[in-house]
Amino acid sequence: MTEAVAAHESTVSIDRARAREAFARYLEPYDLTDSRIALKAAHTYRVADLCDRIARASGFTDAGADLAWLCGLLHDIGRFEQLRRWGTFRDRASASHAAIGVDVLFTGAVHVNDPDFANEPVTDQAALAQDAAFSEHARAAGSIRAFLDDTAADDLIRAAIVHHSDFSLPDGLDVRTHAFCDLVRDADKVDILRVSCTDDVETVVGATEDELLAGSVSPAAENAFFAHHTVRYSDQSTAVDHVVGLTCFAFELAFPASLEIMVEQGYLFELFSKPFGIERPYTNRATARLLSRMDGHLRAWIDEQLD
């Protein structure tokens, strides 16, 4: 894969200082004292840095690593408007944050007001009253041209943002675009695992500690794990399913460097032993036995991948 990437490397020049400044300007109207906004901003910068790290470890050229970094910086730019309008980060209860990001960057946010664009009506009516100001801000500070002048990488950047949260990548992507999409998706998964494991169970899973520890793993989540696939959100019917779903991120990382970083961070196996920092053992004995078996299975699989 890396040879194919090198053969199709772009000469697009990325000015990281300019891009950071542009991103900071885009965030100015949003309330950075809101912990949810601050969380996504911090996540964004970490994903950008992870994209750079994974790219360099995987044989990308300096130009390729710069472009990967920029894709990481822009991957979640739609999250901020999603939260302002709908008060949530759940796409099904609002609109696709990836689609919002592309709309802001490439079309001047002309579609975000279209009822057909959203999965649910806007919940914050005050946000609608500020639409004119938002549209003006998006055109000035959110345009992709605020981040770089060269248009040569626009299609690749668009694809990396559109597909970063898809369950799987679509067929038909060229090798180079596929590689950059994989890279952004890897970096996102690595940091989502970190964020999830450093937050509390009620925030991440929507259940109490007692509910989690007494819970079970659904057949759908168990099957996905042992088939080495991520668990669809629609198939996560229990609190423990969400824990299993997070561990499944490891199976679909595209780059060995991504897996190495995920293991290095140490959160992956904590999900089996002390999820979200909970020291008490699972009270559901069947769940405890199954998770112990999953722990051993995942460790053996990772040893094979990194050998």
C-alpha atoms as a PDB file:
ATOM      1  CA  MET A   1       0.000   0.000   0.000  1.00  0.00           C
ATOM      2  CA  THR A   2       2.722   2.501   0.896  1.00  0.00           C
ATOM      3  CA  GLU A   3       4.497   1.990  -2.452  1.00  0.00           C
ATOM      4  CA  ALA A   4       1.254   2.776  -4.249  1.00  0.00           C
ATOM      5  CA  VAL A   5       0.807   5.865  -2.126  1.00  0.00           C
ATOM      6  CA  ALA A   6       4.347   7.051  -2.821  1.00  0.00           C
ATOM      7  CA  ALA A   7       3.782   6.536  -6.545  1.00  0.00           C
ATOM      8  CA  HIS A   8       0.800   8.870  -6.450  1.00  0.00           C
ATOM      9  CA  GLU A   9       2.084  11.461  -3.984  1.00  0.00           C
ATOM     10  CA  SER A  10       0.888  15.016  -4.452  1.00  0.00           C
ATOM     11  CA  THR A  11       3.089  18.068  -4.640  1.00  0.00           C
ATOM     12  CA  VAL A  12       0.461  20.054  -2.748  1.00  0.00           C
ATOM     13  CA  SER A  13       2.180  22.242  -0.170  1.00  0.00           C
ATOM     14  CA  ILE A  14       0.531  22.458   3.247  1.00  0.00           C
ATOM     15  CA  ASP A  15       1.302  25.381   5.550  1.00  0.00           C
ATOM     16  CA  ARG A  16       0.499  23.889   8.946  1.00  0.00           C
ATOM     17  CA  ALA A  17       0.721  27.206  10.814  1.00  0.00           C
ATOM     18  CA  ARG A  18      -1.773  28.742   8.398  1.00  0.00           C
ATOM     19  CA  ALA A  19      -4.109  25.755   8.715  1.00  0.00           C
ATOM     20  CA  ARG A  20      -3.982  25.837  12.529  1.00  0.00           C
ATOM     21  CA  GLU A  21      -4.757  29.545  12.518  1.00  0.00           C
ATOM     22  CA  ALA A  22      -7.634  29.021  10.083  1.00  0.00           C
ATOM     23  CA  PHE A  23      -9.088  26.270  12.254  1.00  0.00           C
ATOM     24  CA  ALA A  24      -8.810  28.486  15.348  1.00  0.00           C
ATOM     25  CA  ARG A  25     -10.612  31.294  13.478  1.00  0.00           C
ATOM     26  CA  TYR A  26     -13.382  28.910  12.473  1.00  0.00           C
ATOM     27  CA  LEU A  27     -13.875  27.940  16.125  1.00  0.00           C
ATOM     28  CA  GLU A  28     -14.088  31.538  17.379  1.00  0.00           C
ATOM     29  CA  PRO A  29     -17.930  31.826  17.372  1.00  0.00           C
ATOM     30  CA  TYR A  30     -18.308  28.582  19.299  1.00  0.00           C
ATOM     31  CA  ASP A  31     -18.248  28.432  23.093  1.00  0.00           C
ATOM     32  CA  LEU A  32     -14.907  26.838  23.948  1.00  0.00           C
ATOM     33  CA  THR A  33     -15.900  26.896  27.635  1.00  0.00           C
ATOM     34  CA  ASP A  34     -18.495  24.254  26.749  1.00  0.00           C
ATOM     35  CA  SER A  35     -16.817  20.978  27.671  1.00  0.00           C
ATOM     36  CA  ARG A  36     -18.291  19.275  24.598  1.00  0.00           C
ATOM     37  CA  ILE A  37     -16.802  21.868  22.238  1.00  0.00           C
ATOM     38  CA  ALA A  38     -13.477  21.729  24.052  1.00  0.00           C
ATOM     39  CA  LEU A  39     -13.544  17.924  23.859  1.00  0.00           C
ATOM     40  CA  LYS A  40     -13.995  17.940  20.083  1.00  0.00           C
ATOM     41  CA  ALA A  41     -11.366  20.610  19.571  1.00  0.00           C
ATOM     42  CA  ALA A  42      -8.831  18.599  21.572  1.00  0.00           C
ATOM     43  CA  HIS A  43      -9.847  15.419  19.738  1.00  0.00           C
ATOM     44  CA  THR A  44      -9.307  17.188  16.407  1.00  0.00           C
ATOM     45  CA  TYR A  45      -5.752  18.248  17.201  1.00  0.00           C
ATOM     46  CA  ARG A  46      -4.868  14.779  18.476  1.00  0.00           C
ATOM     47  CA  VAL A  47      -6.287  13.085  15.378  1.00  0.00           C
ATOM     48  CA  ALA A  48      -4.292  15.435  13.150  1.00  0.00           C
ATOM     49  CA  ASP A  49      -1.109  14.552  15.036  1.00  0.00           C
ATOM     50  CA  LEU A  50      -1.962  10.836  14.885  1.00  0.00           C
ATOM     51  CA  CYS A  51      -2.472  11.109  11.124  1.00  0.00           C
ATOM     52  CA  ASP A  52       0.985  12.597  10.814  1.00  0.00           C
ATOM     53  CA  ARG A  53       2.538   9.940  13.048  1.00  0.00           C
ATOM     54  CA  ILE A  54       0.856   7.014  11.298  1.00  0.00           C
ATOM     55  CA  ALA A  55       1.667   8.399   7.850  1.00  0.00           C
ATOM     56  CA  ARG A  56       5.365   8.814   8.619  1.00  0.00           C
ATOM     57  CA  ALA A  57       5.585   5.363  10.214  1.00  0.00           C
ATOM     58  CA  SER A  58       3.883   3.888   7.141  1.00  0.00           C
ATOM     59  CA  GLY A  59       6.260   5.279   4.539  1.00  0.00           C
ATOM     60  CA  PHE A  60       4.375   8.373   3.389  1.00  0.00           C
ATOM     61  CA  THR A  61       6.537  11.203   2.087  1.00  0.00           C
ATOM     62  CA  ASP A  62       6.740  14.508   3.960  1.00  0.00           C
ATOM     63  CA  ALA A  63       4.155  15.962   1.577  1.00  0.00           C
ATOM     64  CA  GLY A  64       1.893  12.983   2.159  1.00  0.00           C
ATOM     65  CA  ALA A  65       2.233  13.304   5.939  1.00  0.00           C
ATOM     66  CA  ASP A  66       1.348  17.003   5.702  1.00  0.00           C
ATOM     67  CA  LEU A  67      -1.747  16.215   3.672  1.00  0.00           C
ATOM     68  CA  ALA A  68      -2.723  13.438   6.092  1.00  0.00           C
ATOM     69  CA  TRP A  69      -2.314  15.897   8.979  1.00  0.00           C
ATOM     70  CA  LEU A  70      -4.618  18.399   7.262  1.00  0.00           C
ATOM     71  CA  CYS A  71      -7.259  15.724   6.624  1.00  0.00           C
ATOM     72  CA  GLY A  72      -7.138  14.907  10.322  1.00  0.00           C
ATOM     73  CA  LEU A  73      -7.472  18.569  11.258  1.00  0.00           C
ATOM     74  CA  LEU A  74     -10.587  18.922   9.096  1.00  0.00           C
ATOM     75  CA  HIS A  75     -12.244  15.530   9.630  1.00  0.00           C
ATOM     76  CA  ASP A  76     -14.610  16.663  12.418  1.00  0.00           C
ATOM     77  CA  ILE A  77     -15.127  20.305  11.480  1.00  0.00           C
ATOM     78  CA  GLY A  78     -18.849  19.581  11.095  1.00  0.00           C
ATOM     79  CA  ARG A  79     -19.168  18.554  14.753  1.00  0.00           C
ATOM     80  CA  PHE A  80     -19.235  22.125  16.031  1.00  0.00           C
ATOM     81  CA  GLU A  81     -22.203  23.223  13.931  1.00  0.00           C
ATOM     82  CA  GLN A  82     -23.893  19.913  14.685  1.00  0.00           C
ATOM     83  CA  LEU A  83     -23.713  20.667  18.398  1.00  0.00           C
ATOM     84  CA  ARG A  84     -24.808  24.301  17.973  1.00  0.00           C
ATOM     85  CA  ARG A  85     -27.899  23.379  15.994  1.00  0.00           C
ATOM     86  CA  TRP A  86     -28.941  20.110  17.571  1.00  0.00           C
ATOM     87  CA  GLY A  87     -27.163  19.983  20.925  1.00  0.00           C
ATOM     88  CA  THR A  88     -25.896  16.468  20.231  1.00  0.00           C
ATOM     89  CA  PHE A  89     -23.096  14.545  18.573  1.00  0.00           C
ATOM     90  CA  ARG A  90     -25.446  11.752  17.503  1.00  0.00           C
ATOM     91  CA  ASP A  91     -25.821  11.816  13.716  1.00  0.00           C
ATOM     92  CA  ARG A  92     -29.113   9.921  13.810  1.00  0.00           C
ATOM     93  CA  ALA A  93     -30.607  12.603  16.061  1.00  0.00           C
ATOM     94  CA  SER A  94     -29.305  15.495  13.948  1.00  0.00           C
ATOM     95  CA  ALA A  95     -27.444  15.312  10.638  1.00  0.00           C
ATOM     96  CA  SER A  96     -24.308  13.601   9.421  1.00  0.00           C
ATOM     97  CA  HIS A  97     -21.408  15.540  10.908  1.00  0.00           C
ATOM     98  CA  ALA A  98     -19.260  14.435   7.970  1.00  0.00           C
ATOM     99  CA  ALA A  99     -21.778  15.880   5.510  1.00  0.00           C
ATOM    100  CA  ILE A 100     -21.945  19.123   7.508  1.00  0.00           C
ATOM    101  CA  GLY A 101     -18.152  19.360   7.357  1.00  0.00           C
ATOM    102  CA  VAL A 102     -18.074  18.920   3.594  1.00  0.00           C
ATOM    103  CA  ASP A 103     -20.909  21.421   3.206  1.00  0.00           C
ATOM    104  CA  VAL A 104     -19.001  24.024   5.238  1.00  0.00           C
ATOM    105  CA  LEU A 105     -15.646  23.445   3.556  1.00  0.00           C
ATOM    106  CA  PHE A 106     -16.679  23.033  -0.069  1.00  0.00           C
ATOM    107  CA  THR A 107     -20.105  24.608  -0.639  1.00  0.00           C
ATOM    108  CA  GLY A 108     -20.289  27.497   1.813  1.00  0.00           C
ATOM    109  CA  ALA A 109     -22.761  25.738   4.117  1.00  0.00           C
ATOM    110  CA  VAL A 110     -25.601  26.130   1.609  1.00  0.00           C
ATOM    111  CA  HIS A 111     -27.192  22.758   2.362  1.00  0.00           C
ATOM    112  CA  VAL A 112     -27.236  22.710   6.150  1.00  0.00           C
ATOM    113  CA  ASN A 113     -30.564  24.579   6.226  1.00  0.00           C
ATOM    114  CA  ASP A 114     -32.233  22.108   3.859  1.00  0.00           C
ATOM    115  CA  PRO A 115     -34.706  19.888   5.771  1.00  0.00           C
ATOM    116  CA  ASP A 116     -33.720  16.964   3.532  1.00  0.00           C
ATOM    117  CA  PHE A 117     -30.121  17.345   4.712  1.00  0.00           C
ATOM    118  CA  ALA A 118     -30.940  16.446   8.321  1.00  0.00           C
ATOM    119  CA  ASN A 119     -32.150  13.289   9.989  1.00  0.00           C
ATOM    120  CA  GLU A 120     -34.062  15.322  12.572  1.00  0.00           C
ATOM    121  CA  PRO A 121     -35.300  18.940  12.701  1.00  0.00           C
ATOM    122  CA  VAL A 122     -33.021  21.475  14.372  1.00  0.00           C
ATOM    123  CA  THR A 123     -33.682  21.517  18.112  1.00  0.00           C
ATOM    124  CA  ASP A 124     -32.108  24.886  18.976  1.00  0.00           C
ATOM    125  CA  GLN A 125     -34.344  27.572  17.505  1.00  0.00           C
ATOM    126  CA  ALA A 126     -31.948  30.282  18.679  1.00  0.00           C
ATOM    127  CA  ALA A 127     -29.346  28.742  16.398  1.00  0.00           C
ATOM    128  CA  LEU A 128     -31.651  29.233  13.419  1.00  0.00           C
ATOM    129  CA  ALA A 129     -31.922  32.922  14.226  1.00  0.00           C
ATOM    130  CA  GLN A 130     -28.140  33.157  13.805  1.00  0.00           C
ATOM    131  CA  ASP A 131     -28.077  31.413  10.431  1.00  0.00           C
ATOM    132  CA  ALA A 132     -27.177  34.492   8.414  1.00  0.00           C
ATOM    133  CA  ALA A 133     -24.193  35.167  10.646  1.00  0.00           C
ATOM    134  CA  PHE A 134     -23.172  31.519  10.549  1.00  0.00           C
ATOM    135  CA  SER A 135     -23.393  31.382   6.747  1.00  0.00           C
ATOM    136  CA  GLU A 136     -21.202  34.458   6.443  1.00  0.00           C
ATOM    137  CA  HIS A 137     -18.702  33.004   8.906  1.00  0.00           C
ATOM    138  CA  ALA A 138     -18.679  29.631   7.137  1.00  0.00           C
ATOM    139  CA  ARG A 139     -17.991  31.222   3.754  1.00  0.00           C
ATOM    140  CA  ALA A 140     -15.139  33.311   5.153  1.00  0.00           C
ATOM    141  CA  ALA A 141     -13.526  31.115   7.799  1.00  0.00           C
ATOM    142  CA  GLY A 142     -14.793  27.641   6.935  1.00  0.00           C
ATOM    143  CA  SER A 143     -13.928  27.484   3.255  1.00  0.00           C
ATOM    144  CA  ILE A 144     -11.241  25.012   2.283  1.00  0.00           C
ATOM    145  CA  ARG A 145      -9.448  27.971   0.678  1.00  0.00           C
ATOM    146  CA  ALA A 146      -8.913  29.407   4.155  1.00  0.00           C
ATOM    147  CA  PHE A 147      -6.700  26.387   4.835  1.00  0.00           C
ATOM    148  CA  LEU A 148      -4.824  26.089   1.544  1.00  0.00           C
ATOM    149  CA  ASP A 149      -4.878  27.709  -1.884  1.00  0.00           C
ATOM    150  CA  ASP A 150      -4.041  24.685  -4.038  1.00  0.00           C
ATOM    151  CA  THR A 151      -7.145  22.894  -5.317  1.00  0.00           C
ATOM    152  CA  ALA A 152      -5.312  19.705  -6.369  1.00  0.00           C
ATOM    153  CA  ALA A 153      -6.096  17.820  -3.153  1.00  0.00           C
ATOM    154  CA  ASP A 154      -9.720  18.952  -2.788  1.00  0.00           C
ATOM    155  CA  ASP A 155     -11.269  15.681  -3.942  1.00  0.00           C
ATOM    156  CA  LEU A 156      -9.055  13.626  -1.658  1.00  0.00           C
ATOM    157  CA  ILE A 157      -9.747  15.848   1.363  1.00  0.00           C
ATOM    158  CA  ARG A 158     -13.467  15.734   0.633  1.00  0.00           C
ATOM    159  CA  ALA A 159     -13.404  11.938   0.460  1.00  0.00           C
ATOM    160  CA  ALA A 160     -11.409  11.634   3.682  1.00  0.00           C
ATOM    161  CA  ILE A 161     -14.003  13.725   5.522  1.00  0.00           C
ATOM    162  CA  VAL A 162     -17.085  12.186   3.910  1.00  0.00           C
ATOM    163  CA  HIS A 163     -16.026   8.629   4.650  1.00  0.00           C
ATOM    164  CA  HIS A 164     -14.202   8.949   7.965  1.00  0.00           C
ATOM    165  CA  SER A 165     -17.180   7.765  10.017  1.00  0.00           C
ATOM    166  CA  ASP A 166     -18.696   5.322   7.509  1.00  0.00           C
ATOM    167  CA  PHE A 167     -19.080   1.725   8.667  1.00  0.00           C
ATOM    168  CA  SER A 168     -16.863   0.747   5.736  1.00  0.00           C
ATOM    169  CA  LEU A 169     -15.296   2.479   2.758  1.00  0.00           C
ATOM    170  CA  PRO A 170     -17.178   2.343  -0.548  1.00  0.00           C
ATOM    171  CA  ASP A 171     -15.911   0.420  -3.551  1.00  0.00           C
ATOM    172  CA  GLY A 172     -14.336   2.363  -6.376  1.00  0.00           C
ATOM    173  CA  LEU A 173     -11.929   4.632  -4.482  1.00  0.00           C
ATOM    174  CA  ASP A 174      -8.546   4.929  -6.151  1.00  0.00           C
ATOM    175  CA  VAL A 175      -5.593   3.499  -4.239  1.00  0.00           C
ATOM    176  CA  ARG A 176      -4.278   6.844  -3.052  1.00  0.00           C
ATOM    177  CA  THR A 177      -7.644   8.150  -1.856  1.00  0.00           C
ATOM    178  CA  HIS A 178      -8.388   4.823  -0.175  1.00  0.00           C
ATOM    179  CA  ALA A 179      -5.076   5.021   1.712  1.00  0.00           C
ATOM    180  CA  PHE A 180      -5.726   8.527   3.032  1.00  0.00           C
ATOM    181  CA  CYS A 181      -9.289   7.607   4.009  1.00  0.00           C
ATOM    182  CA  ASP A 182      -7.961   4.549   5.849  1.00  0.00           C
ATOM    183  CA  LEU A 183      -5.390   6.666   7.628  1.00  0.00           C
ATOM    184  CA  VAL A 184      -7.904   9.240   8.901  1.00  0.00           C
ATOM    185  CA  ARG A 185     -10.290   6.477   9.967  1.00  0.00           C
ATOM    186  CA  ASP A 186      -7.475   4.751  11.866  1.00  0.00           C
ATOM    187  CA  ALA A 187      -6.414   7.911  13.678  1.00  0.00           C
ATOM    188  CA  ASP A 188     -10.026   8.684  14.568  1.00  0.00           C
ATOM    189  CA  LYS A 189     -10.594   5.197  16.006  1.00  0.00           C
ATOM    190  CA  VAL A 190      -7.379   5.343  18.037  1.00  0.00           C
ATOM    191  CA  ASP A 191      -8.387   8.606  19.668  1.00  0.00           C
ATOM    192  CA  ILE A 192     -12.061   7.681  20.103  1.00  0.00           C
ATOM    193  CA  LEU A 193     -10.889   4.670  22.104  1.00  0.00           C
ATOM    194  CA  ARG A 194      -8.719   6.940  24.238  1.00  0.00           C
ATOM    195  CA  VAL A 195     -11.509   9.465  24.820  1.00  0.00           C
ATOM    196  CA  SER A 196     -14.047   6.770  25.622  1.00  0.00           C
ATOM    197  CA  CYS A 197     -11.813   5.023  28.121  1.00  0.00           C
ATOM    198  CA  THR A 198     -10.932   8.229  29.956  1.00  0.00           C
ATOM    199  CA  ASP A 199     -14.575   9.267  30.386  1.00  0.00           C
ATOM    200  CA  ASP A 200     -17.166   7.828  32.751  1.00  0.00           C
ATOM    201  CA  VAL A 201     -19.473   4.950  31.895  1.00  0.00           C
ATOM    202  CA  GLU A 202     -22.674   6.993  32.030  1.00  0.00           C
ATOM    203  CA  THR A 203     -21.335   9.531  29.542  1.00  0.00           C
ATOM    204  CA  VAL A 204     -19.972   6.970  27.108  1.00  0.00           C
ATOM    205  CA  VAL A 205     -22.450   4.110  27.402  1.00  0.00           C
ATOM    206  CA  GLY A 206     -25.530   5.750  28.939  1.00  0.00           C
ATOM    207  CA  ALA A 207     -25.689   3.186  31.750  1.00  0.00           C
ATOM    208  CA  THR A 208     -24.740   3.050  35.434  1.00  0.00           C
ATOM    209  CA  GLU A 209     -21.783   1.031  36.673  1.00  0.00           C
ATOM    210  CA  ASP A 210     -24.149  -1.558  38.150  1.00  0.00           C
ATOM    211  CA  GLU A 211     -26.063  -1.872  34.873  1.00  0.00           C
ATOM    212  CA  LEU A 212     -22.863  -2.366  32.911  1.00  0.00           C
ATOM    213  CA  LEU A 213     -21.425  -4.954  35.299  1.00  0.00           C
ATOM    214  CA  ALA A 214     -24.662  -6.929  35.346  1.00  0.00           C
ATOM    215  CA  GLY A 215     -25.113  -6.755  31.585  1.00  0.00           C
ATOM    216  CA  SER A 216     -24.625  -9.309  28.856  1.00  0.00           C
ATOM    217  CA  VAL A 217     -23.099  -9.424  25.385  1.00  0.00           C
ATOM    218  CA  SER A 218     -25.615  -9.790  22.571  1.00  0.00           C
ATOM    219  CA  PRO A 219     -25.114 -12.502  19.929  1.00  0.00           C
ATOM    220  CA  ALA A 220     -24.628  -9.795  17.289  1.00  0.00           C
ATOM    221  CA  ALA A 221     -21.758  -8.183  19.208  1.00  0.00           C
ATOM    222  CA  GLU A 222     -20.174 -11.544  20.048  1.00  0.00           C
ATOM    223  CA  ASN A 223     -20.349 -12.661  16.417  1.00  0.00           C
ATOM    224  CA  ALA A 224     -18.853  -9.403  15.167  1.00  0.00           C
ATOM    225  CA  PHE A 225     -15.963  -9.669  17.613  1.00  0.00           C
ATOM    226  CA  PHE A 226     -14.975 -13.206  16.676  1.00  0.00           C
ATOM    227  CA  ALA A 227     -15.451 -12.411  12.983  1.00  0.00           C
ATOM    228  CA  HIS A 228     -13.012  -9.507  13.504  1.00  0.00           C
ATOM    229  CA  HIS A 229     -15.469  -6.801  12.472  1.00  0.00           C
ATOM    230  CA  THR A 230     -16.629  -3.616  14.124  1.00  0.00           C
ATOM    231  CA  VAL A 231     -20.074  -3.754  15.693  1.00  0.00           C
ATOM    232  CA  ARG A 232     -22.715  -1.639  14.013  1.00  0.00           C
ATOM    233  CA  TYR A 233     -24.262   0.900  16.362  1.00  0.00           C
ATOM    234  CA  SER A 234     -27.661  -0.479  15.441  1.00  0.00           C
ATOM    235  CA  ASP A 235     -26.522  -3.906  16.688  1.00  0.00           C
ATOM    236  CA  GLN A 236     -25.360  -2.625  20.089  1.00  0.00           C
ATOM    237  CA  SER A 237     -28.351  -3.513  22.234  1.00  0.00           C
ATOM    238  CA  THR A 238     -26.650  -3.658  25.658  1.00  0.00           C
ATOM    239  CA  ALA A 239     -24.151  -1.537  27.584  1.00  0.00           C
ATOM    240  CA  VAL A 240     -21.528  -4.300  27.333  1.00  0.00           C
ATOM    241  CA  ASP A 241     -22.047  -4.394  23.566  1.00  0.00           C
ATOM    242  CA  HIS A 242     -20.645  -0.863  23.470  1.00  0.00           C
ATOM    243  CA  VAL A 243     -17.538  -2.006  25.342  1.00  0.00           C
ATOM    244  CA  VAL A 244     -17.095  -4.894  22.900  1.00  0.00           C
ATOM    245  CA  GLY A 245     -17.656  -2.502  20.009  1.00  0.00           C
ATOM    246  CA  LEU A 246     -14.781  -0.325  21.172  1.00  0.00           C
ATOM    247  CA  THR A 247     -12.395  -3.289  21.360  1.00  0.00           C
ATOM    248  CA  CYS A 248     -13.394  -4.255  17.817  1.00  0.00           C
ATOM    249  CA  PHE A 249     -11.810  -1.037  16.541  1.00  0.00           C
ATOM    250  CA  ALA A 250      -8.494  -2.903  16.695  1.00  0.00           C
ATOM    251  CA  PHE A 251      -9.574  -5.444  14.084  1.00  0.00           C
ATOM    252  CA  GLU A 252     -10.221  -2.979  11.295  1.00  0.00           C
ATOM    253  CA  LEU A 253      -7.238  -0.671  11.615  1.00  0.00           C
ATOM    254  CA  ALA A 254      -5.603  -0.517   8.200  1.00  0.00           C
ATOM    255  CA  PHE A 255      -2.023   0.349   9.179  1.00  0.00           C
ATOM    256  CA  PRO A 256       0.220  -1.647  11.531  1.00  0.00           C
ATOM    257  CA  ALA A 257       1.426   1.625  13.036  1.00  0.00           C
ATOM    258  CA  SER A 258      -2.151   2.425  14.076  1.00  0.00           C
ATOM    259  CA  LEU A 259      -2.442  -0.862  15.934  1.00  0.00           C
ATOM    260  CA  GLU A 260       0.933  -0.323  17.578  1.00  0.00           C
ATOM    261  CA  ILE A 261      -0.183   3.092  18.839  1.00  0.00           C
ATOM    262  CA  MET A 262      -3.515   1.745  20.073  1.00  0.00           C
ATOM    263  CA  VAL A 263      -1.761  -1.016  22.036  1.00  0.00           C
ATOM    264  CA  GLU A 264       0.876   1.421  23.278  1.00  0.00           C
ATOM    265  CA  GLN A 265      -1.790   3.716  24.753  1.00  0.00           C
ATOM    266  CA  GLY A 266      -2.950   0.877  26.993  1.00  0.00           C
ATOM    267  CA  TYR A 267      -6.684   1.514  26.948  1.00  0.00           C
ATOM    268  CA  LEU A 268      -7.653  -1.419  24.729  1.00  0.00           C
ATOM    269  CA  PHE A 269      -7.267  -4.196  27.282  1.00  0.00           C
ATOM    270  CA  GLU A 270      -8.526  -2.059  30.157  1.00  0.00           C
ATOM    271  CA  LEU A 271     -11.938  -2.369  28.532  1.00  0.00           C
ATOM    272  CA  PHE A 272     -11.917  -6.041  29.517  1.00  0.00           C
ATOM    273  CA  SER A 273     -10.390  -5.705  32.986  1.00  0.00           C
ATOM    274  CA  LYS A 274     -11.595  -2.338  34.303  1.00  0.00           C
ATOM    275  CA  PRO A 275     -13.840  -0.589  31.769  1.00  0.00           C
ATOM    276  CA  PHE A 276     -13.942   3.187  32.219  1.00  0.00           C
ATOM    277  CA  GLY A 277     -11.789   2.778  35.335  1.00  0.00           C
ATOM    278  CA  ILE A 278     -14.304   0.589  37.163  1.00  0.00           C
ATOM    279  CA  GLU A 279     -12.357  -1.638  39.550  1.00  0.00           C
ATOM    280  CA  ARG A 280     -15.248  -3.936  40.519  1.00  0.00           C
ATOM    281  CA  PRO A 281     -15.620  -7.187  38.557  1.00  0.00           C
ATOM    282  CA  TYR A 282     -18.576  -8.039  36.346  1.00  0.00           C
ATOM    283  CA  THR A 283     -21.407  -9.475  38.420  1.00  0.00           C
ATOM    284  CA  ASN A 284     -22.730 -11.350  35.389  1.00  0.00           C
ATOM    285  CA  ARG A 285     -20.498 -14.416  35.456  1.00  0.00           C
ATOM    286  CA  ALA A 286     -21.277 -15.443  31.896  1.00  0.00           C
ATOM    287  CA  THR A 287     -20.237 -11.979  30.713  1.00  0.00           C
ATOM    288  CA  ALA A 288     -17.049 -12.119  32.770  1.00  0.00           C
ATOM    289  CA  ARG A 289     -16.106 -15.477  31.237  1.00  0.00           C
ATOM    290  CA  LEU A 290     -16.857 -14.324  27.699  1.00  0.00           C
ATOM    291  CA  LEU A 291     -14.886 -11.100  28.092  1.00  0.00           C
ATOM    292  CA  SER A 292     -11.939 -13.057  29.489  1.00  0.00           C
ATOM    293  CA  ARG A 293     -12.039 -15.271  26.406  1.00  0.00           C
ATOM    294  CA  MET A 294     -12.264 -12.187  24.164  1.00  0.00           C
ATOM    295  CA  ASP A 295      -9.275 -10.656  25.962  1.00  0.00           C
ATOM    296  CA  GLY A 296      -7.123 -13.721  25.253  1.00  0.00           C
ATOM    297  CA  HIS A 297      -8.342 -13.937  21.667  1.00  0.00           C
ATOM    298  CA  LEU A 298      -7.552 -10.290  20.962  1.00  0.00           C
ATOM    299  CA  ARG A 299      -4.101 -10.504  22.555  1.00  0.00           C
ATOM    300  CA  ALA A 300      -3.216 -13.530  20.419  1.00  0.00           C
ATOM    301  CA  TRP A 301      -4.531 -11.832  17.284  1.00  0.00           C
ATOM    302  CA  ILE A 302      -2.516  -8.673  17.975  1.00  0.00           C
ATOM    303  CA  ASP A 303       0.646 -10.692  18.583  1.00  0.00           C
ATOM    304  CA  GLU A 304       0.168 -12.265  15.161  1.00  0.00           C
ATOM    305  CA  GLN A 305      -0.413  -8.924  13.477  1.00  0.00           C
ATOM    306  CA  LEU A 306       2.606  -7.222  15.024  1.00  0.00           C
ATOM    307  CA  ASP A 307       5.021 -10.145  14.814  1.00  0.00           C
END
